[in-house]
Amino acid sequence: MKRLATSVCALVLSAAAALAAQSSSSSLTLIDSVVPDGGGGGAVHSMRTMPSATRVTKPFSRVAFGGGVSPLGISMSMATNLNRHVNLRSTGNLFNYTINNFTTNGFTVGGKLNLASAASSLDFYPFPNHGFRLSPGVLFYNQNAASATFNVAAGQSFTLNDVTYYSSAAHPVTGLGTLGLHTRKTSFTATTGWGNMIPRSGGHWSFPVEIGAAFIGSPSLNMNLSGFACDSTGVYCMDVATNSQIQSNLQAQVAKYRKDLDPLKTYPIASFGMAYSFKTRSGR
């Protein structure tokens, strides 16, 4: 994955350098100037070359800061220009959300979602005076995860792998679950969008929009239970942590949950925000 990201970034930089060189080359224009002489005739002056006007923008001559929202959380971004066609952008994302109790399969569930990630990308603008861009990048820090608690009230039924059990009155069933979106894994990102954080027109404000995905791989999910589960009579009870049949059904249930979460291996990115850019003292 790292080799793929490096190759794509190198390809983009090469294309950007070629376009920048082409746009900055001066064109030669031949001008024949004729001025009247004293005899009413005309004298032809020597031809001159007129270089076309080209504005040179130094690398790192402008910086932009912005904020936005996306499925990765609330984001803060910083960007700088490398040349007329390419910006270098870094983004950090944070978000925490507490999930109130809800019921599924007889379990009362409560949990917390914690999103924390950081990424860098190259924003390539094929047409620098317009906002359209292509952005290959890398999500190099990923602490996106969720944790949950499970409780089954005494005498309440719950199901594991379509098998029904009843929570013991003396030792009700409880549990813990964790979800990881490839924590601490580096992953490739590919996005496109509209809006240049550093407008080539020289303006300050921009309102970038971005869509794409981070290829994080299949999420990890684990679930552990404790307490005693009983049959429908409430007489025959088993320790859910040690009973092989209950553990087998628990793992089968977790496998179903993992299958439901598998589409998140291509994690969606859809963001919008605003940014402000300015010149640095070293640039022009």
C-alpha atoms as a PDB file:
ATOM      1  CA  MET A   1       0.000   0.000   0.000  1.00  0.00           C
ATOM      2  CA  LYS A   2       2.870   2.411   0.829  1.00  0.00           C
ATOM      3  CA  ARG A   3       4.506   1.650  -2.559  1.00  0.00           C
ATOM      4  CA  LEU A   4       1.197   2.350  -4.326  1.00  0.00           C
ATOM      5  CA  ALA A   5       0.783   5.692  -2.542  1.00  0.00           C
ATOM      6  CA  THR A   6       4.405   6.688  -3.302  1.00  0.00           C
ATOM      7  CA  SER A   7       4.033   5.796  -6.993  1.00  0.00           C
ATOM      8  CA  VAL A   8       0.823   7.744  -7.404  1.00  0.00           C
ATOM      9  CA  CYS A   9       2.255  10.811  -5.656  1.00  0.00           C
ATOM     10  CA  ALA A  10       5.396  10.695  -7.833  1.00  0.00           C
ATOM     11  CA  LEU A  11       3.255  10.468 -10.972  1.00  0.00           C
ATOM     12  CA  VAL A  12       1.190  13.471  -9.937  1.00  0.00           C
ATOM     13  CA  LEU A  13       4.276  15.553  -9.120  1.00  0.00           C
ATOM     14  CA  SER A  14       5.855  14.701 -12.485  1.00  0.00           C
ATOM     15  CA  ALA A  15       2.725  15.705 -14.374  1.00  0.00           C
ATOM     16  CA  ALA A  16       2.444  18.904 -12.351  1.00  0.00           C
ATOM     17  CA  ALA A  17       6.055  19.848 -13.040  1.00  0.00           C
ATOM     18  CA  ALA A  18       5.562  19.319 -16.788  1.00  0.00           C
ATOM     19  CA  LEU A  19       2.434  21.459 -16.861  1.00  0.00           C
ATOM     20  CA  ALA A  20       4.087  24.190 -14.804  1.00  0.00           C
ATOM     21  CA  ALA A  21       7.083  24.287 -17.152  1.00  0.00           C
ATOM     22  CA  GLN A  22       4.803  24.517 -20.159  1.00  0.00           C
ATOM     23  CA  SER A  23       2.703  27.333 -18.686  1.00  0.00           C
ATOM     24  CA  SER A  24       5.780  29.383 -17.661  1.00  0.00           C
ATOM     25  CA  SER A  25       7.623  29.221 -21.009  1.00  0.00           C
ATOM     26  CA  SER A  26       7.779  32.573 -22.788  1.00  0.00           C
ATOM     27  CA  SER A  27       6.371  32.961 -26.280  1.00  0.00           C
ATOM     28  CA  LEU A  28       8.125  35.021 -28.937  1.00  0.00           C
ATOM     29  CA  THR A  29       6.174  37.539 -30.993  1.00  0.00           C
ATOM     30  CA  LEU A  30       7.593  39.233 -34.122  1.00  0.00           C
ATOM     31  CA  ILE A  31       6.506  42.851 -34.598  1.00  0.00           C
ATOM     32  CA  ASP A  32       7.064  44.923 -37.725  1.00  0.00           C
ATOM     33  CA  SER A  33       6.887  48.584 -36.815  1.00  0.00           C
ATOM     34  CA  VAL A  34       6.560  51.131 -39.628  1.00  0.00           C
ATOM     35  CA  VAL A  35       7.013  54.845 -38.899  1.00  0.00           C
ATOM     36  CA  PRO A  36       6.656  57.665 -41.399  1.00  0.00           C
ATOM     37  CA  ASP A  37       9.851  59.387 -42.641  1.00  0.00           C
ATOM     38  CA  GLY A  38      10.342  62.920 -43.920  1.00  0.00           C
ATOM     39  CA  GLY A  39       9.593  61.937 -47.519  1.00  0.00           C
ATOM     40  CA  GLY A  40       6.236  60.410 -46.740  1.00  0.00           C
ATOM     41  CA  GLY A  41       7.597  56.899 -47.121  1.00  0.00           C
ATOM     42  CA  GLY A  42       8.094  54.290 -44.513  1.00  0.00           C
ATOM     43  CA  ALA A  43      11.104  52.908 -42.718  1.00  0.00           C
ATOM     44  CA  VAL A  44      11.048  49.329 -41.398  1.00  0.00           C
ATOM     45  CA  HIS A  45      12.711  48.969 -38.018  1.00  0.00           C
ATOM     46  CA  SER A  46      14.357  45.750 -36.862  1.00  0.00           C
ATOM     47  CA  MET A  47      12.076  43.030 -35.464  1.00  0.00           C
ATOM     48  CA  ARG A  48      12.003  42.604 -31.650  1.00  0.00           C
ATOM     49  CA  THR A  49      11.001  39.687 -29.401  1.00  0.00           C
ATOM     50  CA  MET A  50       8.279  40.323 -26.832  1.00  0.00           C
ATOM     51  CA  PRO A  51       8.176  37.755 -23.971  1.00  0.00           C
ATOM     52  CA  SER A  52       4.697  36.875 -22.788  1.00  0.00           C
ATOM     53  CA  ALA A  53       3.796  38.027 -19.284  1.00  0.00           C
ATOM     54  CA  THR A  54       4.136  35.180 -16.814  1.00  0.00           C
ATOM     55  CA  ARG A  55       3.596  35.397 -13.080  1.00  0.00           C
ATOM     56  CA  VAL A  56       6.006  33.220 -11.144  1.00  0.00           C
ATOM     57  CA  THR A  57       4.759  31.863  -7.801  1.00  0.00           C
ATOM     58  CA  LYS A  58       7.458  30.611  -5.470  1.00  0.00           C
ATOM     59  CA  PRO A  59       6.938  27.290  -3.655  1.00  0.00           C
ATOM     60  CA  PHE A  60       5.639  27.757  -0.106  1.00  0.00           C
ATOM     61  CA  SER A  61       4.828  31.403  -0.833  1.00  0.00           C
ATOM     62  CA  ARG A  62       1.246  31.058   0.426  1.00  0.00           C
ATOM     63  CA  VAL A  63      -0.319  29.236   3.366  1.00  0.00           C
ATOM     64  CA  ALA A  64      -3.964  28.436   4.123  1.00  0.00           C
ATOM     65  CA  PHE A  65      -5.808  27.250   7.211  1.00  0.00           C
ATOM     66  CA  GLY A  66      -9.302  25.804   7.169  1.00  0.00           C
ATOM     67  CA  GLY A  67     -11.909  23.751   8.970  1.00  0.00           C
ATOM     68  CA  GLY A  68     -14.724  21.411   7.999  1.00  0.00           C
ATOM     69  CA  VAL A  69     -16.746  18.316   8.805  1.00  0.00           C
ATOM     70  CA  SER A  70     -16.704  14.772   7.375  1.00  0.00           C
ATOM     71  CA  PRO A  71     -17.318  11.129   8.452  1.00  0.00           C
ATOM     72  CA  LEU A  72     -13.807  11.286   9.945  1.00  0.00           C
ATOM     73  CA  GLY A  73     -14.950  14.010  12.351  1.00  0.00           C
ATOM     74  CA  ILE A  74     -14.423  17.735  12.711  1.00  0.00           C
ATOM     75  CA  SER A  75     -11.314  18.647  10.723  1.00  0.00           C
ATOM     76  CA  MET A  76      -8.611  21.307  10.730  1.00  0.00           C
ATOM     77  CA  SER A  77      -6.467  21.651   7.606  1.00  0.00           C
ATOM     78  CA  MET A  78      -3.310  23.462   6.551  1.00  0.00           C
ATOM     79  CA  ALA A  79      -2.087  23.800   2.958  1.00  0.00           C
ATOM     80  CA  THR A  80       0.777  25.406   1.058  1.00  0.00           C
ATOM     81  CA  ASN A  81       1.556  25.713  -2.646  1.00  0.00           C
ATOM     82  CA  LEU A  82       4.309  23.656  -4.291  1.00  0.00           C
ATOM     83  CA  ASN A  83       3.804  25.104  -7.752  1.00  0.00           C
ATOM     84  CA  ARG A  84       0.985  26.505  -9.847  1.00  0.00           C
ATOM     85  CA  HIS A  85      -0.743  23.116 -10.143  1.00  0.00           C
ATOM     86  CA  VAL A  86      -0.021  21.382  -6.821  1.00  0.00           C
ATOM     87  CA  ASN A  87      -0.716  22.074  -3.138  1.00  0.00           C
ATOM     88  CA  LEU A  88       0.494  20.057  -0.168  1.00  0.00           C
ATOM     89  CA  ARG A  89      -2.270  19.630   2.430  1.00  0.00           C
ATOM     90  CA  SER A  90      -2.392  18.084   5.912  1.00  0.00           C
ATOM     91  CA  THR A  91      -5.575  17.426   7.873  1.00  0.00           C
ATOM     92  CA  GLY A  92      -6.357  16.373  11.428  1.00  0.00           C
ATOM     93  CA  ASN A  93      -9.755  15.011  12.499  1.00  0.00           C
ATOM     94  CA  LEU A  94     -11.374  14.651  15.932  1.00  0.00           C
ATOM     95  CA  PHE A  95     -14.817  13.691  17.184  1.00  0.00           C
ATOM     96  CA  ASN A  96     -16.309  12.010  20.275  1.00  0.00           C
ATOM     97  CA  TYR A  97     -19.887  10.887  20.657  1.00  0.00           C
ATOM     98  CA  THR A  98     -21.614   9.003  23.461  1.00  0.00           C
ATOM     99  CA  ILE A  99     -24.271   6.538  22.333  1.00  0.00           C
ATOM    100  CA  ASN A 100     -27.277   6.321  24.633  1.00  0.00           C
ATOM    101  CA  ASN A 101     -28.750   2.962  25.545  1.00  0.00           C
ATOM    102  CA  PHE A 102     -30.525   1.079  22.767  1.00  0.00           C
ATOM    103  CA  THR A 103     -31.687  -2.517  22.431  1.00  0.00           C
ATOM    104  CA  THR A 104     -30.556  -5.143  19.942  1.00  0.00           C
ATOM    105  CA  ASN A 105     -30.994  -8.930  20.143  1.00  0.00           C
ATOM    106  CA  GLY A 106     -32.196  -8.480  23.722  1.00  0.00           C
ATOM    107  CA  PHE A 107     -29.038  -6.605  24.784  1.00  0.00           C
ATOM    108  CA  THR A 108     -29.228  -3.076  26.147  1.00  0.00           C
ATOM    109  CA  VAL A 109     -26.221  -1.369  24.574  1.00  0.00           C
ATOM    110  CA  GLY A 110     -24.409   1.840  25.449  1.00  0.00           C
ATOM    111  CA  GLY A 111     -21.127   3.041  24.037  1.00  0.00           C
ATOM    112  CA  LYS A 112     -18.790   5.740  22.884  1.00  0.00           C
ATOM    113  CA  LEU A 113     -17.435   6.621  19.453  1.00  0.00           C
ATOM    114  CA  ASN A 114     -13.908   8.096  19.368  1.00  0.00           C
ATOM    115  CA  LEU A 115     -12.555   9.436  16.080  1.00  0.00           C
ATOM    116  CA  ALA A 116      -8.957  10.671  15.824  1.00  0.00           C
ATOM    117  CA  SER A 117      -6.940  10.618  12.604  1.00  0.00           C
ATOM    118  CA  ALA A 118      -4.428  12.583  10.546  1.00  0.00           C
ATOM    119  CA  ALA A 119      -3.708  12.578   6.815  1.00  0.00           C
ATOM    120  CA  SER A 120      -1.630  14.284   4.143  1.00  0.00           C
ATOM    121  CA  SER A 121      -2.372  14.632   0.448  1.00  0.00           C
ATOM    122  CA  LEU A 122      -1.242  16.261  -2.782  1.00  0.00           C
ATOM    123  CA  ASP A 123      -3.959  18.425  -4.313  1.00  0.00           C
ATOM    124  CA  PHE A 124      -3.425  18.437  -8.093  1.00  0.00           C
ATOM    125  CA  TYR A 125      -5.269  21.114 -10.095  1.00  0.00           C
ATOM    126  CA  PRO A 126      -5.206  20.285 -13.839  1.00  0.00           C
ATOM    127  CA  PHE A 127      -6.716  23.706 -14.548  1.00  0.00           C
ATOM    128  CA  PRO A 128      -5.237  25.998 -11.882  1.00  0.00           C
ATOM    129  CA  ASN A 129      -7.648  28.868 -12.494  1.00  0.00           C
ATOM    130  CA  HIS A 130     -10.551  26.550 -11.690  1.00  0.00           C
ATOM    131  CA  GLY A 131     -11.271  24.699  -8.466  1.00  0.00           C
ATOM    132  CA  PHE A 132     -11.408  21.076  -9.688  1.00  0.00           C
ATOM    133  CA  ARG A 133      -8.757  18.841  -8.158  1.00  0.00           C
ATOM    134  CA  LEU A 134      -7.535  15.252  -7.737  1.00  0.00           C
ATOM    135  CA  SER A 135      -5.995  14.332  -4.393  1.00  0.00           C
ATOM    136  CA  PRO A 136      -4.029  11.132  -3.696  1.00  0.00           C
ATOM    137  CA  GLY A 137      -2.910  10.872  -0.086  1.00  0.00           C
ATOM    138  CA  VAL A 138      -2.129   8.816   2.998  1.00  0.00           C
ATOM    139  CA  LEU A 139      -4.047   8.402   6.267  1.00  0.00           C
ATOM    140  CA  PHE A 140      -0.948   7.920   8.413  1.00  0.00           C
ATOM    141  CA  TYR A 141      -2.545   8.098  11.870  1.00  0.00           C
ATOM    142  CA  ASN A 142      -5.773   6.252  12.682  1.00  0.00           C
ATOM    143  CA  GLN A 143      -7.251   5.902  16.143  1.00  0.00           C
ATOM    144  CA  ASN A 144     -10.871   5.629  14.988  1.00  0.00           C
ATOM    145  CA  ALA A 145     -12.641   3.216  17.327  1.00  0.00           C
ATOM    146  CA  ALA A 146     -15.771   2.551  19.342  1.00  0.00           C
ATOM    147  CA  SER A 147     -16.418   0.775  22.621  1.00  0.00           C
ATOM    148  CA  ALA A 148     -19.698  -0.601  23.966  1.00  0.00           C
ATOM    149  CA  THR A 149     -21.211  -2.213  27.041  1.00  0.00           C
ATOM    150  CA  PHE A 150     -23.895  -4.924  26.919  1.00  0.00           C
ATOM    151  CA  ASN A 151     -26.434  -5.703  29.630  1.00  0.00           C
ATOM    152  CA  VAL A 152     -29.347  -8.123  29.817  1.00  0.00           C
ATOM    153  CA  ALA A 153     -31.810  -7.571  32.660  1.00  0.00           C
ATOM    154  CA  ALA A 154     -32.494 -10.542  34.946  1.00  0.00           C
ATOM    155  CA  GLY A 155     -34.987 -12.903  33.348  1.00  0.00           C
ATOM    156  CA  GLN A 156     -34.789 -11.051  29.999  1.00  0.00           C
ATOM    157  CA  SER A 157     -34.240 -13.120  26.843  1.00  0.00           C
ATOM    158  CA  PHE A 158     -31.416 -12.514  24.357  1.00  0.00           C
ATOM    159  CA  THR A 159     -30.221 -14.271  21.211  1.00  0.00           C
ATOM    160  CA  LEU A 160     -26.831 -15.388  19.944  1.00  0.00           C
ATOM    161  CA  ASN A 161     -26.653 -16.858  16.447  1.00  0.00           C
ATOM    162  CA  ASP A 162     -30.473 -17.249  16.479  1.00  0.00           C
ATOM    163  CA  VAL A 163     -30.374 -19.255  19.743  1.00  0.00           C
ATOM    164  CA  THR A 164     -32.433 -17.817  22.622  1.00  0.00           C
ATOM    165  CA  TYR A 165     -31.121 -17.637  26.188  1.00  0.00           C
ATOM    166  CA  TYR A 166     -32.370 -15.990  29.390  1.00  0.00           C
ATOM    167  CA  SER A 167     -30.279 -13.862  31.698  1.00  0.00           C
ATOM    168  CA  SER A 168     -29.860 -15.336  35.188  1.00  0.00           C
ATOM    169  CA  ALA A 169     -31.573 -13.559  38.062  1.00  0.00           C
ATOM    170  CA  ALA A 170     -28.600 -14.159  40.355  1.00  0.00           C
ATOM    171  CA  HIS A 171     -25.864 -13.336  37.813  1.00  0.00           C
ATOM    172  CA  PRO A 172     -27.251 -11.275  34.897  1.00  0.00           C
ATOM    173  CA  VAL A 173     -25.379 -11.313  31.601  1.00  0.00           C
ATOM    174  CA  THR A 174     -23.103  -8.355  30.859  1.00  0.00           C
ATOM    175  CA  GLY A 175     -20.473  -7.768  28.213  1.00  0.00           C
ATOM    176  CA  LEU A 176     -17.929  -5.500  26.539  1.00  0.00           C
ATOM    177  CA  GLY A 177     -17.324  -4.881  22.854  1.00  0.00           C
ATOM    178  CA  THR A 178     -14.669  -3.002  20.866  1.00  0.00           C
ATOM    179  CA  LEU A 179     -14.653  -1.836  17.251  1.00  0.00           C
ATOM    180  CA  GLY A 180     -11.455  -0.714  15.538  1.00  0.00           C
ATOM    181  CA  LEU A 181     -11.242   0.937  12.123  1.00  0.00           C
ATOM    182  CA  HIS A 182      -7.714  -0.384  11.560  1.00  0.00           C
ATOM    183  CA  THR A 183      -6.245   1.501  14.499  1.00  0.00           C
ATOM    184  CA  ARG A 184      -2.665   2.770  13.935  1.00  0.00           C
ATOM    185  CA  LYS A 185      -2.691   1.468  10.356  1.00  0.00           C
ATOM    186  CA  THR A 186      -1.432   3.522   7.395  1.00  0.00           C
ATOM    187  CA  SER A 187      -3.868   3.554   4.485  1.00  0.00           C
ATOM    188  CA  PHE A 188      -4.153   5.084   1.025  1.00  0.00           C
ATOM    189  CA  THR A 189      -6.761   7.780   0.336  1.00  0.00           C
ATOM    190  CA  ALA A 190      -8.150   8.972  -2.991  1.00  0.00           C
ATOM    191  CA  THR A 191     -10.452  11.965  -3.263  1.00  0.00           C
ATOM    192  CA  THR A 192     -11.627  14.574  -5.700  1.00  0.00           C
ATOM    193  CA  GLY A 193     -13.317  17.868  -5.104  1.00  0.00           C
ATOM    194  CA  TRP A 194     -13.832  21.505  -5.909  1.00  0.00           C
ATOM    195  CA  GLY A 195     -12.333  24.571  -4.285  1.00  0.00           C
ATOM    196  CA  ASN A 196      -8.693  25.604  -3.925  1.00  0.00           C
ATOM    197  CA  MET A 197      -7.602  26.460  -0.377  1.00  0.00           C
ATOM    198  CA  ILE A 198      -5.014  28.731  -2.023  1.00  0.00           C
ATOM    199  CA  PRO A 199      -6.921  30.445  -4.866  1.00  0.00           C
ATOM    200  CA  ARG A 200      -4.667  31.107  -7.854  1.00  0.00           C
ATOM    201  CA  SER A 201      -6.609  34.326  -8.438  1.00  0.00           C
ATOM    202  CA  GLY A 202      -4.978  35.729  -5.306  1.00  0.00           C
ATOM    203  CA  GLY A 203      -8.135  35.720  -3.169  1.00  0.00           C
ATOM    204  CA  HIS A 204      -8.182  34.800   0.502  1.00  0.00           C
ATOM    205  CA  TRP A 205     -11.412  32.862   1.196  1.00  0.00           C
ATOM    206  CA  SER A 206     -12.409  29.488  -0.242  1.00  0.00           C
ATOM    207  CA  PHE A 207     -15.095  26.886   0.434  1.00  0.00           C
ATOM    208  CA  PRO A 208     -13.657  23.473  -0.525  1.00  0.00           C
ATOM    209  CA  VAL A 209     -15.800  20.376  -1.072  1.00  0.00           C
ATOM    210  CA  GLU A 210     -14.323  16.862  -1.179  1.00  0.00           C
ATOM    211  CA  ILE A 211     -15.547  13.322  -1.853  1.00  0.00           C
ATOM    212  CA  GLY A 212     -13.662  10.036  -1.935  1.00  0.00           C
ATOM    213  CA  ALA A 213     -12.563   7.198   0.317  1.00  0.00           C
ATOM    214  CA  ALA A 214      -9.878   5.893   2.660  1.00  0.00           C
ATOM    215  CA  PHE A 215      -8.974   2.246   2.059  1.00  0.00           C
ATOM    216  CA  ILE A 216      -8.577   1.179   5.693  1.00  0.00           C
ATOM    217  CA  GLY A 217      -9.183  -2.558   5.358  1.00  0.00           C
ATOM    218  CA  SER A 218     -11.787  -4.624   7.192  1.00  0.00           C
ATOM    219  CA  PRO A 219     -12.726  -3.282  10.650  1.00  0.00           C
ATOM    220  CA  SER A 220     -11.926  -5.348  13.734  1.00  0.00           C
ATOM    221  CA  LEU A 221     -14.692  -6.329  16.171  1.00  0.00           C
ATOM    222  CA  ASN A 222     -14.510  -8.232  19.440  1.00  0.00           C
ATOM    223  CA  MET A 223     -17.175  -9.044  22.042  1.00  0.00           C
ATOM    224  CA  ASN A 224     -16.898 -10.724  25.436  1.00  0.00           C
ATOM    225  CA  LEU A 225     -19.724 -11.783  27.788  1.00  0.00           C
ATOM    226  CA  SER A 226     -19.860 -12.712  31.454  1.00  0.00           C
ATOM    227  CA  GLY A 227     -22.607 -13.876  33.818  1.00  0.00           C
ATOM    228  CA  PHE A 228     -24.973 -16.823  33.571  1.00  0.00           C
ATOM    229  CA  ALA A 229     -27.476 -17.695  30.852  1.00  0.00           C
ATOM    230  CA  CYS A 230     -30.414 -20.033  31.526  1.00  0.00           C
ATOM    231  CA  ASP A 231     -32.944 -22.066  29.589  1.00  0.00           C
ATOM    232  CA  SER A 232     -36.587 -21.003  29.372  1.00  0.00           C
ATOM    233  CA  THR A 233     -37.368 -22.568  32.757  1.00  0.00           C
ATOM    234  CA  GLY A 234     -34.674 -20.531  34.499  1.00  0.00           C
ATOM    235  CA  VAL A 235     -33.518 -23.687  36.309  1.00  0.00           C
ATOM    236  CA  TYR A 236     -30.623 -24.864  34.178  1.00  0.00           C
ATOM    237  CA  CYS A 237     -28.014 -22.043  33.915  1.00  0.00           C
ATOM    238  CA  MET A 238     -24.551 -21.928  32.338  1.00  0.00           C
ATOM    239  CA  ASP A 239     -21.538 -19.653  32.708  1.00  0.00           C
ATOM    240  CA  VAL A 240     -21.437 -17.771  29.399  1.00  0.00           C
ATOM    241  CA  ALA A 241     -17.657 -17.212  29.664  1.00  0.00           C
ATOM    242  CA  THR A 242     -16.803 -20.930  29.860  1.00  0.00           C
ATOM    243  CA  ASN A 243     -19.652 -22.804  28.208  1.00  0.00           C
ATOM    244  CA  SER A 244     -18.431 -24.027  24.810  1.00  0.00           C
ATOM    245  CA  GLN A 245     -21.858 -23.967  23.147  1.00  0.00           C
ATOM    246  CA  ILE A 246     -22.580 -20.365  24.194  1.00  0.00           C
ATOM    247  CA  GLN A 247     -19.079 -19.286  23.175  1.00  0.00           C
ATOM    248  CA  SER A 248     -19.523 -20.936  19.782  1.00  0.00           C
ATOM    249  CA  ASN A 249     -22.806 -19.075  19.237  1.00  0.00           C
ATOM    250  CA  LEU A 250     -21.207 -15.837  20.435  1.00  0.00           C
ATOM    251  CA  GLN A 251     -18.369 -16.111  17.905  1.00  0.00           C
ATOM    252  CA  ALA A 252     -20.875 -16.923  15.135  1.00  0.00           C
ATOM    253  CA  GLN A 253     -22.847 -13.806  16.093  1.00  0.00           C
ATOM    254  CA  VAL A 254     -19.691 -11.665  16.068  1.00  0.00           C
ATOM    255  CA  ALA A 255     -18.857 -13.044  12.605  1.00  0.00           C
ATOM    256  CA  LYS A 256     -22.246 -11.816  11.368  1.00  0.00           C
ATOM    257  CA  TYR A 257     -21.573  -8.374  12.810  1.00  0.00           C
ATOM    258  CA  ARG A 258     -18.163  -8.287  11.106  1.00  0.00           C
ATOM    259  CA  LYS A 259     -19.767  -9.139   7.789  1.00  0.00           C
ATOM    260  CA  ASP A 260     -22.225  -6.268   8.251  1.00  0.00           C
ATOM    261  CA  LEU A 261     -19.307  -3.905   8.932  1.00  0.00           C
ATOM    262  CA  ASP A 262     -17.145  -5.117   6.036  1.00  0.00           C
ATOM    263  CA  PRO A 263     -18.252  -2.314   3.628  1.00  0.00           C
ATOM    264  CA  LEU A 264     -16.443   0.132   5.943  1.00  0.00           C
ATOM    265  CA  LYS A 265     -13.090  -1.192   4.679  1.00  0.00           C
ATOM    266  CA  THR A 266     -13.624   1.474   2.016  1.00  0.00           C
ATOM    267  CA  TYR A 267     -14.302   4.289   4.457  1.00  0.00           C
ATOM    268  CA  PRO A 268     -16.254   7.149   2.870  1.00  0.00           C
ATOM    269  CA  ILE A 269     -14.962  10.715   2.856  1.00  0.00           C
ATOM    270  CA  ALA A 270     -17.409  13.510   2.075  1.00  0.00           C
ATOM    271  CA  SER A 271     -16.455  16.872   3.517  1.00  0.00           C
ATOM    272  CA  PHE A 272     -17.138  20.557   3.159  1.00  0.00           C
ATOM    273  CA  GLY A 273     -15.639  23.557   4.925  1.00  0.00           C
ATOM    274  CA  MET A 274     -14.020  26.943   4.552  1.00  0.00           C
ATOM    275  CA  ALA A 275     -10.432  28.208   4.467  1.00  0.00           C
ATOM    276  CA  TYR A 276      -8.421  31.439   4.539  1.00  0.00           C
ATOM    277  CA  SER A 277      -5.091  31.885   2.752  1.00  0.00           C
ATOM    278  CA  PHE A 278      -2.362  34.538   2.916  1.00  0.00           C
ATOM    279  CA  LYS A 279       1.150  35.238   1.640  1.00  0.00           C
ATOM    280  CA  THR A 280       4.255  34.383   3.582  1.00  0.00           C
ATOM    281  CA  ARG A 281       7.050  36.906   3.990  1.00  0.00           C
ATOM    282  CA  SER A 282       9.403  34.778   1.887  1.00  0.00           C
ATOM    283  CA  GLY A 283       7.075  34.454  -1.114  1.00  0.00           C
ATOM    284  CA  ARG A 284       5.627  36.722  -3.731  1.00  0.00           C
END
